[in-house]
Structure formats: structure tokens, C-alpha cells
Amino acid sequence: MTDSPANPAQAPVPNLNIANVLTTLRIFMVPFFIWAFLADEQQYGWARWVAFALFALAIYTDKLDGDLARSRNLITNFGKIADPIADKLLTGSALVLFSMVGELSWWITGAILVREWGITLMRFVVIRYGVMAASKGGKLKTVLQAVAILLYLLPWTHTITWLGVVAFIVMLIALAATLVTGIDYLVKAAQLRARFLANPEASSGTKA
């Protein structure tokens, strides 16, 4: 979610709004997604399709809550923090599950998780200087991760060789984007701190 121009006459946006409700719903969907994935006792059976559908629906709510927040001016500090956390819970659980069942190397999962949660922790550390909202690179990284995970969730990916290769290549591209944007956010955090120290009265707003 991105910032909109401040309007002194505008009333504060309440945290209880449709965009934040969708973000919270996405968090509550994570345990159901995990259950569906683990319920796939027969190899790539109906439960795997349920997991695929739940993940796809959750990802759609991510796009929807962002669109609603911008179009209806429902952007809040809660949303800026909760939205990326919801994304990381969803994608992180999927990556860990893939590695647990041997579908994805642990080094890929580990590299992505360290970057994701490291940047999230950094956001809390620098929140005293300002809230970091979404950058275009961060949004692209999220899209690439979602596409890669959806490909890995497809039962066909694990029975059709060329589709498995495509899924792996997309995952590697998502990994590269994740690491590059992580470095970019570290630079932005340093700049945010420097601006705050130069002018403590100013507030600034960059979803990792």
C-alpha cells in the first residue's frame, strides 16, 4: 500500500476498514492453507488443489485490499505494517512446506525467509523515523514469489517435467528479486533515518 498526499482537513482514517479487514482475513487463511497442504496424504490429490485455491484466493485479497485502500483513501499505518506481515506469513508457510516435503531446496527457502523477516524486523526498528510503504521493486518481488509458489502448488508441476523446470526458473528469479529489493530497502531505511535526524518534524512514508 502506498502513501497519498496528506490533507490537514481530512479526518483520520479508521483502522477498521474493508482494506484492513481483507488483510486480517488473509492472515486467518494461513492455517487453513497449511492444513490443506498437509492433508494431501495421496500424492497431489484433491487436498493439493484446495491448497492451491486457498493460496490463490489469499493472494487476490492482497491485490484487492491494496486497490481498495488507494481508491477509497483507506491507507493506515496498521495496513502498512499488517499487509506485508500477512504476505510473509502466507508465502513463508508455503516455502517451508515445500522444503519439508522435499519439493524445494532449504537454501532457497532460508535465503528468502531471512530477507523477508529481516526486512520486517528492520521496519519495526526504523518506525520511529517513519513508516516504510511499498516500492515498485517490492511489489514485483511479491508477484514473482506468488507466481512461483502457485506453480509449485500445481500437482501437474510435479508430473510434467517441463513445467517443473519453469517453476524452478521462476522461483530463482523470485529469489534474485527478493535479495535485490532487500538491499534496496536497507538503503531506503538508512535514507529515512538520515532525513528524520535532519528534520525530526517531518514524517515520511517505503511494503517490503
N, C-alpha and C. Protein backbone atom coordinates (compact mmCIF):
# COMPACT_ATOMS: atom_id res chain seq x y z
N MET A 1 0.84 -1.19 0.00
CA MET A 1 0.00 0.00 0.00
C MET A 1 0.88 1.24 0.00
N THR A 2 0.48 2.24 -0.70
CA THR A 2 1.33 3.41 -0.84
C THR A 2 0.68 4.62 -0.20
N ASP A 3 1.49 5.63 0.04
CA ASP A 3 1.00 6.85 0.67
C ASP A 3 0.22 7.71 -0.30
N SER A 4 -0.67 8.51 0.24
CA SER A 4 -1.37 9.53 -0.54
C SER A 4 -1.06 10.88 0.06
N PRO A 5 -1.20 11.94 -0.70
CA PRO A 5 -0.87 13.26 -0.20
C PRO A 5 -1.65 13.58 1.07
N ALA A 6 -0.97 14.15 2.04
CA ALA A 6 -1.62 14.48 3.31
C ALA A 6 -2.56 15.65 3.12
N ASN A 7 -3.69 15.59 3.82
CA ASN A 7 -4.67 16.66 3.79
C ASN A 7 -5.02 17.02 5.22
N PRO A 8 -4.56 18.16 5.71
CA PRO A 8 -4.77 18.54 7.10
C PRO A 8 -6.23 18.54 7.49
N ALA A 9 -7.15 18.84 6.55
CA ALA A 9 -8.56 18.94 6.88
C ALA A 9 -9.25 17.58 6.87
N GLN A 10 -8.55 16.57 6.41
CA GLN A 10 -9.15 15.26 6.27
C GLN A 10 -9.15 14.52 7.60
N ALA A 11 -10.27 13.87 7.94
CA ALA A 11 -10.38 13.12 9.18
C ALA A 11 -9.49 11.89 9.12
N PRO A 12 -8.95 11.48 10.27
CA PRO A 12 -8.10 10.29 10.30
C PRO A 12 -8.84 9.06 9.77
N VAL A 13 -8.13 8.22 9.05
CA VAL A 13 -8.74 7.01 8.51
C VAL A 13 -8.82 5.96 9.62
N PRO A 14 -9.99 5.39 9.92
CA PRO A 14 -10.09 4.38 10.98
C PRO A 14 -9.40 3.09 10.57
N ASN A 15 -8.81 2.40 11.54
CA ASN A 15 -8.16 1.13 11.24
C ASN A 15 -9.15 0.06 10.84
N LEU A 16 -10.39 0.18 11.35
CA LEU A 16 -11.42 -0.80 10.99
C LEU A 16 -12.05 -0.37 9.67
N ASN A 17 -11.47 -0.84 8.57
CA ASN A 17 -12.00 -0.55 7.24
C ASN A 17 -11.86 -1.80 6.38
N ILE A 18 -12.49 -1.81 5.22
CA ILE A 18 -12.56 -3.00 4.39
C ILE A 18 -11.18 -3.49 3.97
N ALA A 19 -10.26 -2.56 3.69
CA ALA A 19 -8.92 -2.96 3.27
C ALA A 19 -8.20 -3.72 4.38
N ASN A 20 -8.27 -3.19 5.60
CA ASN A 20 -7.61 -3.86 6.73
C ASN A 20 -8.31 -5.16 7.11
N VAL A 21 -9.63 -5.22 6.92
CA VAL A 21 -10.37 -6.47 7.17
C VAL A 21 -9.87 -7.57 6.23
N LEU A 22 -9.65 -7.22 4.96
CA LEU A 22 -9.15 -8.19 4.00
C LEU A 22 -7.73 -8.65 4.36
N THR A 23 -6.93 -7.71 4.83
CA THR A 23 -5.57 -8.06 5.26
C THR A 23 -5.61 -9.04 6.42
N THR A 24 -6.49 -8.76 7.40
CA THR A 24 -6.64 -9.65 8.55
C THR A 24 -7.17 -11.01 8.12
N LEU A 25 -8.11 -11.02 7.18
CA LEU A 25 -8.66 -12.28 6.67
C LEU A 25 -7.55 -13.12 6.05
N ARG A 26 -6.63 -12.47 5.34
CA ARG A 26 -5.53 -13.21 4.72
C ARG A 26 -4.67 -13.90 5.77
N ILE A 27 -4.47 -13.25 6.89
CA ILE A 27 -3.71 -13.87 7.98
C ILE A 27 -4.43 -15.10 8.51
N PHE A 28 -5.76 -15.01 8.68
CA PHE A 28 -6.54 -16.13 9.19
C PHE A 28 -6.62 -17.29 8.19
N MET A 29 -6.37 -17.01 6.91
CA MET A 29 -6.41 -18.06 5.90
C MET A 29 -5.17 -18.95 5.93
N VAL A 30 -4.09 -18.45 6.51
CA VAL A 30 -2.83 -19.20 6.52
C VAL A 30 -2.95 -20.58 7.16
N PRO A 31 -3.57 -20.72 8.36
CA PRO A 31 -3.69 -22.06 8.95
C PRO A 31 -4.50 -23.02 8.09
N PHE A 32 -5.52 -22.53 7.41
CA PHE A 32 -6.33 -23.39 6.54
C PHE A 32 -5.52 -23.84 5.32
N PHE A 33 -4.68 -22.94 4.81
CA PHE A 33 -3.80 -23.31 3.70
C PHE A 33 -2.83 -24.41 4.13
N ILE A 34 -2.23 -24.24 5.31
CA ILE A 34 -1.30 -25.24 5.82
C ILE A 34 -2.00 -26.58 6.01
N TRP A 35 -3.20 -26.55 6.57
CA TRP A 35 -3.96 -27.79 6.78
C TRP A 35 -4.21 -28.50 5.46
N ALA A 36 -4.64 -27.75 4.44
CA ALA A 36 -4.94 -28.36 3.15
C ALA A 36 -3.69 -28.98 2.54
N PHE A 37 -2.55 -28.28 2.66
CA PHE A 37 -1.31 -28.81 2.10
C PHE A 37 -0.92 -30.11 2.80
N LEU A 38 -0.98 -30.12 4.13
CA LEU A 38 -0.58 -31.30 4.88
C LEU A 38 -1.61 -32.43 4.79
N ALA A 39 -2.85 -32.11 4.42
CA ALA A 39 -3.89 -33.12 4.29
C ALA A 39 -3.77 -33.92 3.00
N ASP A 40 -2.82 -33.51 2.17
CA ASP A 40 -2.65 -34.18 0.88
C ASP A 40 -1.90 -35.51 1.08
N GLU A 41 -2.58 -36.46 1.69
CA GLU A 41 -1.97 -37.75 2.00
C GLU A 41 -1.69 -38.55 0.72
N GLN A 42 -2.65 -38.53 -0.21
CA GLN A 42 -2.37 -39.15 -1.50
C GLN A 42 -1.56 -38.14 -2.31
N GLN A 43 -0.61 -38.60 -3.08
CA GLN A 43 0.31 -37.69 -3.75
C GLN A 43 -0.42 -36.80 -4.75
N TYR A 44 -0.42 -35.50 -4.47
CA TYR A 44 -1.00 -34.49 -5.34
C TYR A 44 -2.47 -34.80 -5.66
N GLY A 45 -3.25 -35.01 -4.61
CA GLY A 45 -4.68 -35.29 -4.77
C GLY A 45 -5.52 -34.03 -4.60
N TRP A 46 -6.78 -34.23 -4.19
CA TRP A 46 -7.74 -33.11 -4.12
C TRP A 46 -7.32 -32.05 -3.12
N ALA A 47 -6.67 -32.47 -2.01
CA ALA A 47 -6.28 -31.50 -0.98
C ALA A 47 -5.25 -30.51 -1.52
N ARG A 48 -4.41 -30.99 -2.45
CA ARG A 48 -3.42 -30.10 -3.04
C ARG A 48 -4.11 -29.01 -3.85
N TRP A 49 -5.19 -29.36 -4.53
CA TRP A 49 -5.95 -28.37 -5.28
C TRP A 49 -6.63 -27.38 -4.34
N VAL A 50 -7.06 -27.86 -3.17
CA VAL A 50 -7.65 -26.95 -2.18
C VAL A 50 -6.60 -25.96 -1.70
N ALA A 51 -5.38 -26.46 -1.44
CA ALA A 51 -4.29 -25.58 -1.02
C ALA A 51 -4.00 -24.54 -2.10
N PHE A 52 -3.99 -24.99 -3.36
CA PHE A 52 -3.76 -24.08 -4.48
C PHE A 52 -4.84 -22.99 -4.51
N ALA A 53 -6.10 -23.38 -4.35
CA ALA A 53 -7.21 -22.42 -4.40
C ALA A 53 -7.14 -21.44 -3.24
N LEU A 54 -6.81 -21.93 -2.04
CA LEU A 54 -6.71 -21.05 -0.87
C LEU A 54 -5.59 -20.03 -1.04
N PHE A 55 -4.46 -20.49 -1.57
CA PHE A 55 -3.35 -19.57 -1.77
C PHE A 55 -3.70 -18.52 -2.82
N ALA A 56 -4.32 -18.97 -3.92
CA ALA A 56 -4.72 -18.04 -4.99
C ALA A 56 -5.70 -17.00 -4.46
N LEU A 57 -6.68 -17.45 -3.64
CA LEU A 57 -7.66 -16.52 -3.08
C LEU A 57 -6.99 -15.52 -2.14
N ALA A 58 -6.07 -16.02 -1.32
CA ALA A 58 -5.37 -15.13 -0.38
C ALA A 58 -4.56 -14.09 -1.14
N ILE A 59 -3.88 -14.51 -2.20
CA ILE A 59 -3.09 -13.57 -3.00
C ILE A 59 -4.00 -12.52 -3.65
N TYR A 60 -5.19 -12.95 -4.06
CA TYR A 60 -6.13 -12.00 -4.67
C TYR A 60 -6.55 -10.94 -3.65
N THR A 61 -6.76 -11.37 -2.38
CA THR A 61 -7.14 -10.38 -1.36
C THR A 61 -6.02 -9.36 -1.15
N ASP A 62 -4.78 -9.78 -1.40
CA ASP A 62 -3.66 -8.85 -1.28
C ASP A 62 -3.78 -7.73 -2.30
N LYS A 63 -4.09 -8.11 -3.54
CA LYS A 63 -4.29 -7.10 -4.58
C LYS A 63 -5.52 -6.25 -4.30
N LEU A 64 -6.60 -6.93 -3.85
CA LEU A 64 -7.86 -6.22 -3.63
C LEU A 64 -7.76 -5.21 -2.51
N ASP A 65 -7.12 -5.60 -1.39
CA ASP A 65 -7.06 -4.63 -0.28
C ASP A 65 -6.19 -3.43 -0.64
N GLY A 66 -5.15 -3.66 -1.45
CA GLY A 66 -4.33 -2.53 -1.89
C GLY A 66 -5.10 -1.60 -2.81
N ASP A 67 -5.86 -2.17 -3.74
CA ASP A 67 -6.67 -1.35 -4.66
C ASP A 67 -7.72 -0.54 -3.90
N LEU A 68 -8.37 -1.19 -2.93
CA LEU A 68 -9.40 -0.51 -2.15
C LEU A 68 -8.80 0.61 -1.29
N ALA A 69 -7.65 0.32 -0.70
CA ALA A 69 -7.01 1.32 0.16
C ALA A 69 -6.65 2.58 -0.63
N ARG A 70 -6.15 2.37 -1.85
CA ARG A 70 -5.77 3.54 -2.66
C ARG A 70 -6.98 4.27 -3.23
N SER A 71 -7.96 3.51 -3.75
CA SER A 71 -9.10 4.15 -4.41
C SER A 71 -10.04 4.84 -3.42
N ARG A 72 -10.12 4.31 -2.19
CA ARG A 72 -11.02 4.88 -1.18
C ARG A 72 -10.27 5.65 -0.10
N ASN A 73 -8.97 5.84 -0.31
CA ASN A 73 -8.13 6.55 0.66
C ASN A 73 -8.26 5.93 2.05
N LEU A 74 -8.05 4.61 2.12
CA LEU A 74 -8.15 3.87 3.38
C LEU A 74 -6.77 3.44 3.87
N ILE A 75 -5.75 4.19 3.50
CA ILE A 75 -4.39 3.85 3.88
C ILE A 75 -4.14 4.21 5.34
N THR A 76 -3.70 3.23 6.11
CA THR A 76 -3.41 3.44 7.53
C THR A 76 -2.04 2.87 7.87
N ASN A 77 -1.47 3.32 8.97
CA ASN A 77 -0.19 2.77 9.41
C ASN A 77 -0.34 1.28 9.76
N PHE A 78 -1.52 0.91 10.29
CA PHE A 78 -1.78 -0.51 10.58
C PHE A 78 -1.69 -1.33 9.30
N GLY A 79 -2.30 -0.83 8.24
CA GLY A 79 -2.28 -1.55 6.97
C GLY A 79 -0.89 -1.66 6.40
N LYS A 80 -0.09 -0.59 6.53
CA LYS A 80 1.27 -0.61 6.00
C LYS A 80 2.13 -1.67 6.69
N ILE A 81 1.83 -1.93 7.97
CA ILE A 81 2.59 -2.92 8.72
C ILE A 81 1.99 -4.32 8.59
N ALA A 82 0.64 -4.42 8.75
CA ALA A 82 -0.03 -5.72 8.74
C ALA A 82 -0.02 -6.37 7.37
N ASP A 83 -0.11 -5.58 6.30
CA ASP A 83 -0.19 -6.13 4.95
C ASP A 83 1.06 -6.93 4.59
N PRO A 84 2.27 -6.38 4.74
CA PRO A 84 3.46 -7.18 4.43
C PRO A 84 3.64 -8.37 5.36
N ILE A 85 3.20 -8.24 6.62
CA ILE A 85 3.30 -9.37 7.55
C ILE A 85 2.40 -10.50 7.08
N ALA A 86 1.19 -10.16 6.63
CA ALA A 86 0.26 -11.18 6.10
C ALA A 86 0.88 -11.87 4.89
N ASP A 87 1.50 -11.10 4.01
CA ASP A 87 2.15 -11.68 2.82
C ASP A 87 3.25 -12.65 3.22
N LYS A 88 4.06 -12.25 4.20
CA LYS A 88 5.20 -13.07 4.60
C LYS A 88 4.76 -14.34 5.32
N LEU A 89 3.69 -14.27 6.10
CA LEU A 89 3.15 -15.47 6.74
C LEU A 89 2.67 -16.46 5.69
N LEU A 90 2.00 -15.94 4.67
CA LEU A 90 1.44 -16.81 3.63
C LEU A 90 2.54 -17.43 2.77
N THR A 91 3.41 -16.59 2.22
CA THR A 91 4.46 -17.10 1.34
C THR A 91 5.48 -17.91 2.13
N GLY A 92 5.79 -17.47 3.34
CA GLY A 92 6.77 -18.18 4.17
C GLY A 92 6.29 -19.58 4.52
N SER A 93 5.03 -19.72 4.88
CA SER A 93 4.49 -21.05 5.21
C SER A 93 4.54 -21.96 3.99
N ALA A 94 4.24 -21.42 2.80
CA ALA A 94 4.28 -22.23 1.58
C ALA A 94 5.70 -22.71 1.30
N LEU A 95 6.68 -21.83 1.40
CA LEU A 95 8.06 -22.21 1.13
C LEU A 95 8.56 -23.27 2.11
N VAL A 96 8.24 -23.10 3.39
CA VAL A 96 8.66 -24.08 4.40
C VAL A 96 8.02 -25.43 4.12
N LEU A 97 6.75 -25.43 3.75
CA LEU A 97 6.06 -26.68 3.44
C LEU A 97 6.70 -27.38 2.25
N PHE A 98 7.03 -26.61 1.21
CA PHE A 98 7.69 -27.19 0.04
C PHE A 98 9.00 -27.87 0.44
N SER A 99 9.78 -27.19 1.28
CA SER A 99 11.07 -27.75 1.70
C SER A 99 10.88 -28.97 2.61
N MET A 100 9.86 -28.95 3.45
CA MET A 100 9.58 -30.07 4.34
C MET A 100 9.30 -31.36 3.58
N VAL A 101 8.60 -31.23 2.44
CA VAL A 101 8.25 -32.43 1.67
C VAL A 101 9.25 -32.69 0.54
N GLY A 102 10.34 -31.92 0.50
CA GLY A 102 11.40 -32.17 -0.46
C GLY A 102 11.17 -31.63 -1.86
N GLU A 103 10.26 -30.67 -2.01
CA GLU A 103 9.99 -30.12 -3.33
C GLU A 103 10.85 -28.89 -3.65
N LEU A 104 11.44 -28.30 -2.62
CA LEU A 104 12.24 -27.08 -2.80
C LEU A 104 13.42 -27.14 -1.85
N SER A 105 14.59 -26.76 -2.35
CA SER A 105 15.80 -26.80 -1.52
C SER A 105 15.67 -25.83 -0.33
N TRP A 106 16.18 -26.28 0.81
CA TRP A 106 16.10 -25.45 2.01
C TRP A 106 16.89 -24.15 1.87
N TRP A 107 17.96 -24.15 1.06
CA TRP A 107 18.76 -22.92 0.95
C TRP A 107 17.97 -21.81 0.29
N ILE A 108 17.07 -22.17 -0.64
CA ILE A 108 16.23 -21.15 -1.27
C ILE A 108 15.22 -20.62 -0.27
N THR A 109 14.56 -21.53 0.44
CA THR A 109 13.60 -21.12 1.47
C THR A 109 14.28 -20.27 2.53
N GLY A 110 15.44 -20.72 2.99
CA GLY A 110 16.15 -19.98 4.04
C GLY A 110 16.55 -18.58 3.60
N ALA A 111 17.07 -18.46 2.37
CA ALA A 111 17.50 -17.15 1.88
C ALA A 111 16.33 -16.19 1.79
N ILE A 112 15.20 -16.67 1.30
CA ILE A 112 14.02 -15.80 1.17
C ILE A 112 13.49 -15.41 2.54
N LEU A 113 13.41 -16.38 3.47
CA LEU A 113 12.86 -16.08 4.79
C LEU A 113 13.74 -15.12 5.57
N VAL A 114 15.06 -15.31 5.48
CA VAL A 114 15.96 -14.39 6.19
C VAL A 114 15.78 -12.97 5.68
N ARG A 115 15.70 -12.82 4.35
CA ARG A 115 15.48 -11.48 3.78
C ARG A 115 14.15 -10.92 4.22
N GLU A 116 13.06 -11.72 4.10
CA GLU A 116 11.72 -11.22 4.36
C GLU A 116 11.55 -10.78 5.82
N TRP A 117 11.90 -11.67 6.73
CA TRP A 117 11.70 -11.33 8.14
C TRP A 117 12.75 -10.36 8.66
N GLY A 118 13.92 -10.37 8.03
CA GLY A 118 14.92 -9.38 8.40
C GLY A 118 14.46 -7.97 8.05
N ILE A 119 13.89 -7.82 6.86
CA ILE A 119 13.39 -6.51 6.45
C ILE A 119 12.18 -6.11 7.30
N THR A 120 11.32 -7.08 7.64
CA THR A 120 10.17 -6.78 8.51
C THR A 120 10.65 -6.28 9.87
N LEU A 121 11.65 -6.95 10.43
CA LEU A 121 12.21 -6.50 11.71
C LEU A 121 12.79 -5.11 11.59
N MET A 122 13.49 -4.87 10.48
CA MET A 122 14.07 -3.55 10.26
C MET A 122 12.99 -2.47 10.20
N ARG A 123 11.84 -2.81 9.60
CA ARG A 123 10.75 -1.84 9.51
C ARG A 123 10.28 -1.41 10.89
N PHE A 124 10.24 -2.36 11.82
CA PHE A 124 9.83 -2.03 13.18
C PHE A 124 10.90 -1.19 13.89
N VAL A 125 12.16 -1.47 13.58
CA VAL A 125 13.25 -0.72 14.19
C VAL A 125 13.22 0.74 13.74
N VAL A 126 12.97 0.96 12.44
CA VAL A 126 13.03 2.33 11.91
C VAL A 126 11.68 3.04 11.95
N ILE A 127 10.65 2.39 12.56
CA ILE A 127 9.33 3.01 12.56
C ILE A 127 9.33 4.33 13.33
N ARG A 128 10.31 4.48 14.23
CA ARG A 128 10.42 5.75 14.95
C ARG A 128 10.78 6.90 14.02
N TYR A 129 11.36 6.58 12.87
CA TYR A 129 11.75 7.59 11.91
C TYR A 129 10.70 7.79 10.82
N GLY A 130 9.79 6.82 10.66
CA GLY A 130 8.76 6.90 9.63
C GLY A 130 8.36 5.51 9.20
N VAL A 131 7.20 5.40 8.55
CA VAL A 131 6.70 4.11 8.09
C VAL A 131 7.15 3.86 6.66
N MET A 132 7.76 2.69 6.41
CA MET A 132 8.19 2.35 5.06
C MET A 132 7.05 1.63 4.34
N ALA A 133 6.57 2.20 3.26
CA ALA A 133 5.49 1.60 2.49
C ALA A 133 6.06 0.91 1.26
N ALA A 134 5.17 0.50 0.34
CA ALA A 134 5.60 -0.34 -0.80
C ALA A 134 6.43 0.43 -1.82
N SER A 135 7.40 -0.27 -2.38
CA SER A 135 8.13 0.23 -3.54
C SER A 135 7.74 -0.63 -4.73
N LYS A 136 8.02 -0.16 -5.93
CA LYS A 136 7.68 -0.94 -7.12
C LYS A 136 8.45 -2.26 -7.14
N GLY A 137 9.71 -2.22 -6.71
CA GLY A 137 10.51 -3.44 -6.65
C GLY A 137 9.93 -4.44 -5.67
N GLY A 138 9.46 -3.96 -4.53
CA GLY A 138 8.86 -4.83 -3.53
C GLY A 138 7.60 -5.49 -4.05
N LYS A 139 6.81 -4.72 -4.80
CA LYS A 139 5.58 -5.28 -5.38
C LYS A 139 5.91 -6.33 -6.43
N LEU A 140 6.93 -6.07 -7.27
CA LEU A 140 7.33 -7.04 -8.28
C LEU A 140 7.83 -8.32 -7.63
N LYS A 141 8.59 -8.18 -6.55
CA LYS A 141 9.08 -9.34 -5.81
C LYS A 141 7.94 -10.18 -5.28
N THR A 142 6.90 -9.52 -4.75
CA THR A 142 5.74 -10.23 -4.23
C THR A 142 5.01 -11.00 -5.33
N VAL A 143 4.87 -10.37 -6.50
CA VAL A 143 4.20 -11.02 -7.64
C VAL A 143 5.00 -12.24 -8.09
N LEU A 144 6.33 -12.10 -8.21
CA LEU A 144 7.17 -13.22 -8.64
C LEU A 144 7.11 -14.38 -7.65
N GLN A 145 7.14 -14.06 -6.37
CA GLN A 145 7.02 -15.11 -5.35
C GLN A 145 5.68 -15.83 -5.47
N ALA A 146 4.61 -15.07 -5.65
CA ALA A 146 3.27 -15.66 -5.74
C ALA A 146 3.16 -16.58 -6.95
N VAL A 147 3.68 -16.14 -8.09
CA VAL A 147 3.62 -16.96 -9.31
C VAL A 147 4.42 -18.25 -9.12
N ALA A 148 5.61 -18.13 -8.55
CA ALA A 148 6.46 -19.31 -8.32
C ALA A 148 5.77 -20.30 -7.39
N ILE A 149 5.19 -19.80 -6.31
CA ILE A 149 4.52 -20.68 -5.34
C ILE A 149 3.30 -21.34 -5.96
N LEU A 150 2.52 -20.59 -6.74
CA LEU A 150 1.36 -21.18 -7.40
C LEU A 150 1.78 -22.29 -8.36
N LEU A 151 2.90 -22.09 -9.06
CA LEU A 151 3.40 -23.13 -9.96
C LEU A 151 3.80 -24.38 -9.17
N TYR A 152 4.46 -24.17 -8.03
CA TYR A 152 4.87 -25.32 -7.21
C TYR A 152 3.66 -26.02 -6.58
N LEU A 153 2.60 -25.28 -6.33
CA LEU A 153 1.40 -25.87 -5.74
C LEU A 153 0.64 -26.73 -6.75
N LEU A 154 0.76 -26.41 -8.03
CA LEU A 154 0.06 -27.18 -9.05
C LEU A 154 0.52 -28.64 -9.04
N PRO A 155 -0.39 -29.60 -8.89
CA PRO A 155 0.01 -31.00 -8.95
C PRO A 155 0.72 -31.35 -10.26
N TRP A 156 0.32 -30.73 -11.37
CA TRP A 156 0.91 -31.01 -12.68
C TRP A 156 2.41 -30.72 -12.71
N THR A 157 2.84 -29.72 -11.91
CA THR A 157 4.24 -29.32 -11.91
C THR A 157 5.16 -30.49 -11.55
N HIS A 158 4.64 -31.39 -10.75
CA HIS A 158 5.47 -32.48 -10.24
C HIS A 158 5.31 -33.77 -11.05
N THR A 159 4.54 -33.68 -12.11
CA THR A 159 4.39 -34.84 -13.01
C THR A 159 4.78 -34.52 -14.45
N ILE A 160 4.85 -33.22 -14.76
CA ILE A 160 5.24 -32.78 -16.12
C ILE A 160 6.61 -32.11 -16.01
N THR A 161 7.61 -32.70 -16.61
CA THR A 161 9.00 -32.26 -16.44
C THR A 161 9.21 -30.80 -16.82
N TRP A 162 8.73 -30.38 -18.00
CA TRP A 162 9.00 -29.02 -18.45
C TRP A 162 8.35 -27.98 -17.55
N LEU A 163 7.18 -28.33 -16.97
CA LEU A 163 6.51 -27.40 -16.07
C LEU A 163 7.29 -27.26 -14.76
N GLY A 164 7.89 -28.36 -14.34
CA GLY A 164 8.73 -28.31 -13.15
C GLY A 164 9.94 -27.43 -13.36
N VAL A 165 10.52 -27.48 -14.56
CA VAL A 165 11.68 -26.64 -14.88
C VAL A 165 11.28 -25.17 -14.88
N VAL A 166 10.12 -24.87 -15.47
CA VAL A 166 9.62 -23.49 -15.49
C VAL A 166 9.42 -22.98 -14.07
N ALA A 167 8.80 -23.81 -13.22
CA ALA A 167 8.55 -23.42 -11.83
C ALA A 167 9.86 -23.10 -11.11
N PHE A 168 10.88 -23.91 -11.33
CA PHE A 168 12.17 -23.70 -10.67
C PHE A 168 12.83 -22.41 -11.16
N ILE A 169 12.76 -22.15 -12.46
CA ILE A 169 13.36 -20.93 -13.01
C ILE A 169 12.66 -19.69 -12.45
N VAL A 170 11.33 -19.73 -12.39
CA VAL A 170 10.58 -18.59 -11.83
C VAL A 170 10.94 -18.40 -10.37
N MET A 171 11.12 -19.51 -9.63
CA MET A 171 11.49 -19.40 -8.22
C MET A 171 12.86 -18.75 -8.07
N LEU A 172 13.81 -19.09 -8.95
CA LEU A 172 15.14 -18.48 -8.89
C LEU A 172 15.07 -16.99 -9.20
N ILE A 173 14.22 -16.61 -10.15
CA ILE A 173 14.05 -15.18 -10.47
C ILE A 173 13.44 -14.46 -9.27
N ALA A 174 12.46 -15.11 -8.63
CA ALA A 174 11.83 -14.52 -7.44
C ALA A 174 12.86 -14.36 -6.32
N LEU A 175 13.74 -15.35 -6.18
CA LEU A 175 14.80 -15.27 -5.16
C LEU A 175 15.72 -14.09 -5.44
N ALA A 176 16.13 -13.92 -6.70
CA ALA A 176 17.01 -12.81 -7.06
C ALA A 176 16.33 -11.47 -6.76
N ALA A 177 15.05 -11.34 -7.14
CA ALA A 177 14.32 -10.10 -6.88
C ALA A 177 14.18 -9.85 -5.39
N THR A 178 13.99 -10.92 -4.62
CA THR A 178 13.85 -10.80 -3.17
C THR A 178 15.12 -10.25 -2.54
N LEU A 179 16.27 -10.76 -2.97
CA LEU A 179 17.54 -10.32 -2.40
C LEU A 179 17.90 -8.90 -2.83
N VAL A 180 17.67 -8.59 -4.11
CA VAL A 180 17.99 -7.26 -4.63
C VAL A 180 17.14 -6.19 -3.95
N THR A 181 15.83 -6.45 -3.83
CA THR A 181 14.96 -5.47 -3.19
C THR A 181 15.26 -5.36 -1.70
N GLY A 182 15.76 -6.44 -1.10
CA GLY A 182 16.15 -6.37 0.31
C GLY A 182 17.26 -5.36 0.51
N ILE A 183 18.25 -5.39 -0.38
CA ILE A 183 19.34 -4.41 -0.31
C ILE A 183 18.80 -3.00 -0.52
N ASP A 184 17.85 -2.87 -1.46
CA ASP A 184 17.26 -1.56 -1.74
C ASP A 184 16.55 -1.00 -0.51
N TYR A 185 15.83 -1.87 0.24
CA TYR A 185 15.14 -1.41 1.44
C TYR A 185 16.11 -1.01 2.53
N LEU A 186 17.26 -1.68 2.61
CA LEU A 186 18.26 -1.28 3.60
C LEU A 186 18.77 0.13 3.30
N VAL A 187 18.98 0.40 2.01
CA VAL A 187 19.42 1.75 1.61
C VAL A 187 18.34 2.78 1.95
N LYS A 188 17.08 2.44 1.64
CA LYS A 188 15.97 3.37 1.91
C LYS A 188 15.81 3.62 3.42
N ALA A 189 16.04 2.57 4.22
CA ALA A 189 15.94 2.73 5.67
C ALA A 189 16.99 3.70 6.19
N ALA A 190 18.21 3.59 5.64
CA ALA A 190 19.28 4.50 6.04
C ALA A 190 18.95 5.93 5.63
N GLN A 191 18.36 6.10 4.44
CA GLN A 191 17.98 7.44 3.97
C GLN A 191 16.84 8.00 4.83
N LEU A 192 15.88 7.13 5.21
CA LEU A 192 14.77 7.55 6.05
C LEU A 192 15.27 8.05 7.39
N ARG A 193 16.21 7.33 7.97
CA ARG A 193 16.78 7.73 9.25
C ARG A 193 17.52 9.06 9.12
N ALA A 194 18.27 9.20 8.04
CA ALA A 194 19.03 10.43 7.84
C ALA A 194 18.11 11.64 7.69
N ARG A 195 17.00 11.46 6.93
CA ARG A 195 16.05 12.57 6.75
C ARG A 195 15.40 12.94 8.08
N PHE A 196 15.07 11.92 8.87
CA PHE A 196 14.43 12.20 10.16
C PHE A 196 15.37 12.97 11.08
N LEU A 197 16.61 12.53 11.14
CA LEU A 197 17.56 13.21 12.00
C LEU A 197 17.82 14.64 11.54
N ALA A 198 17.72 14.87 10.23
CA ALA A 198 17.92 16.21 9.70
C ALA A 198 16.71 17.09 9.95
N ASN A 199 15.51 16.48 9.99
CA ASN A 199 14.26 17.22 10.20
C ASN A 199 13.28 16.35 10.95
N PRO A 200 13.37 16.28 12.29
CA PRO A 200 12.52 15.41 13.10
C PRO A 200 11.03 15.71 12.98
N GLU A 201 10.69 16.93 12.54
CA GLU A 201 9.29 17.31 12.43
C GLU A 201 8.64 16.64 11.22
N ALA A 202 9.41 16.26 10.24
CA ALA A 202 8.86 15.67 9.01
C ALA A 202 8.59 14.19 9.22
N SER A 203 7.58 13.69 8.56
CA SER A 203 7.28 12.24 8.57
C SER A 203 7.34 11.76 7.14
N SER A 204 7.76 10.55 6.95
CA SER A 204 7.85 10.01 5.58
C SER A 204 7.26 8.64 5.52
N GLY A 205 6.89 8.38 4.41
CA GLY A 205 6.31 7.09 4.21
C GLY A 205 6.89 6.50 2.98
N THR A 206 8.34 3.64 2.81
CA THR A 206 8.71 2.77 1.68
C THR A 206 8.50 1.42 2.18
N LYS A 207 5.88 -1.49 1.57
CA LYS A 207 5.58 -2.84 1.93
C LYS A 207 6.75 -3.59 1.40
N ALA A 208 7.51 -4.21 2.16
CA ALA A 208 8.72 -4.86 1.72
C ALA A 208 8.38 -6.10 0.97
